[in-house]
Protein backbone atom coordinates (compact mmCIF):
# COMPACT_ATOMS: atom_id res chain seq x y z
CA MET A 1 97.72 66.99 100.37
CA LEU A 2 97.03 69.63 97.72
CA LEU A 3 100.23 68.84 95.83
CA LYS A 4 99.38 65.15 95.96
CA HIS A 5 96.01 65.86 94.36
CA LEU A 6 97.54 68.10 91.69
CA GLU A 7 100.10 65.43 90.74
CA SER A 8 97.33 63.60 88.89
CA TYR A 9 97.28 66.47 86.34
CA SER A 10 99.90 67.40 83.78
CA LYS A 11 101.61 70.67 84.73
CA GLU A 12 101.66 71.58 81.04
CA GLU A 13 97.85 71.37 80.86
CA LEU A 14 97.13 72.92 84.25
CA LEU A 15 96.75 76.66 84.75
CA ILE A 16 96.23 78.05 88.24
CA GLY A 17 94.28 81.30 88.32
CA LEU A 18 94.21 83.30 91.53
CA GLU A 19 92.24 86.45 92.19
CA SER A 20 94.51 89.13 93.61
CA THR A 21 93.78 89.26 97.34
CA ALA A 22 96.80 91.14 98.68
CA HIS A 23 99.17 89.00 100.70
CA TYR A 24 96.80 86.02 100.94
CA GLY A 25 96.96 85.36 97.22
CA GLU A 26 100.67 86.12 97.08
CA VAL A 27 101.46 83.21 99.39
CA PHE A 28 99.55 80.82 97.14
CA ALA A 29 101.12 82.30 94.00
CA GLN A 30 104.62 81.85 95.42
CA PHE A 31 103.82 78.31 96.56
CA PHE A 32 102.50 77.17 93.17
CA PHE A 33 105.27 78.96 91.27
CA LYS A 34 107.89 77.33 93.49
CA HIS A 35 106.42 73.95 92.53
CA ASP A 36 106.64 74.77 88.80
CA PHE A 37 102.95 75.34 88.12
CA LYS A 38 101.74 77.94 85.62
CA VAL A 39 100.20 80.72 87.71
CA VAL A 40 98.10 83.74 86.77
CA ILE A 41 96.98 86.50 89.14
CA ILE A 42 93.69 88.06 88.08
CA ASN A 43 92.57 91.59 88.84
CA PRO A 44 89.42 91.51 91.04
CA LEU A 45 87.87 94.18 88.79
CA GLN A 46 87.80 91.63 85.96
CA THR A 47 86.06 88.98 88.05
CA SER A 48 83.66 91.59 89.44
CA ALA A 49 82.63 92.61 85.92
CA ILE A 50 81.94 88.99 84.99
CA ARG A 51 79.98 88.47 88.20
CA LYS A 52 77.85 91.59 87.54
CA ALA A 53 77.08 90.37 84.02
CA GLY A 54 75.38 87.29 85.49
CA ILE A 55 71.85 87.03 86.83
CA ARG A 56 72.75 85.84 90.31
CA LYS A 57 74.96 87.97 92.52
CA THR A 58 75.79 85.09 94.88
CA LYS A 59 79.40 84.61 95.96
CA THR A 60 80.52 81.09 96.82
CA ASP A 61 83.84 79.31 96.33
CA LYS A 62 82.32 77.25 93.51
CA ILE A 63 80.94 80.32 91.73
CA ASN A 64 84.19 82.24 92.28
CA SER A 65 86.16 79.37 90.71
CA PHE A 66 83.87 79.42 87.71
CA ILE A 67 84.18 83.20 87.35
CA ILE A 68 87.99 83.05 87.59
CA SER A 69 87.97 80.38 84.86
CA LYS A 70 85.75 82.55 82.65
CA SER A 71 88.07 85.50 83.21
CA LEU A 72 91.05 83.43 82.07
CA ILE A 73 89.19 82.36 78.94
CA PHE A 74 87.64 85.68 77.93
CA ASN A 75 90.14 88.26 79.18
CA GLY A 76 93.36 86.44 78.40
CA TYR A 77 96.22 86.28 80.86
CA ARG A 78 99.92 86.67 81.45
CA LEU A 79 101.76 83.91 83.27
CA LEU A 80 103.62 84.82 86.42
CA GLU A 81 107.37 84.95 85.89
CA LYS A 82 110.29 84.81 88.29
CA LYS A 83 110.57 88.62 88.23
CA ASP A 84 106.91 88.85 89.35
CA ILE A 85 107.59 86.59 92.33
CA LYS A 86 110.58 88.73 93.27
CA LEU A 87 108.41 91.84 92.98
CA LEU A 88 105.78 90.30 95.27
CA ALA A 89 108.49 89.58 97.85
CA LEU A 90 109.84 93.13 97.53
CA LYS A 91 106.35 94.62 98.00
CA SER A 92 105.87 92.49 101.10
CA LEU A 93 109.22 93.63 102.48
CA ALA A 94 108.37 97.30 101.82
CA LYS A 95 105.01 96.87 103.53
CA SER A 96 106.69 95.33 106.58
CA ARG A 97 109.18 98.20 106.66
CA ARG A 98 106.39 100.82 106.56
CA LYS A 99 104.61 99.01 109.37
CA LEU A 100 107.76 98.95 111.53
CA ILE A 101 108.42 102.65 110.89
CA LYS A 102 104.84 103.47 111.84
CA GLN A 103 105.19 101.49 115.08
CA ARG A 104 108.45 103.23 115.91
CA THR A 105 107.06 106.72 115.33
CA SER A 106 103.76 106.14 117.17
């Protein structure tokens, strides 16, 4: 359903910005990258600074989307590359390994 909606946009003109939210954001980043979208992961400290600069401190999906867009415009960005996706997968694997070791030694 999401891909169907995004098909109405040109992939060259579309930029998907995701706030880094540990493994939740990684799944989305991998999904969009796999489907050849331009993806950027944004540090939450950047979006927090933009949010604090505003008058209202409200957090909604609509406001978060706007803040992520502002962060892309004002702070610049670096597109995710294949090596970044591999690194995300490696980090996930290392985290799973640590969790299994902890279970085994408990």
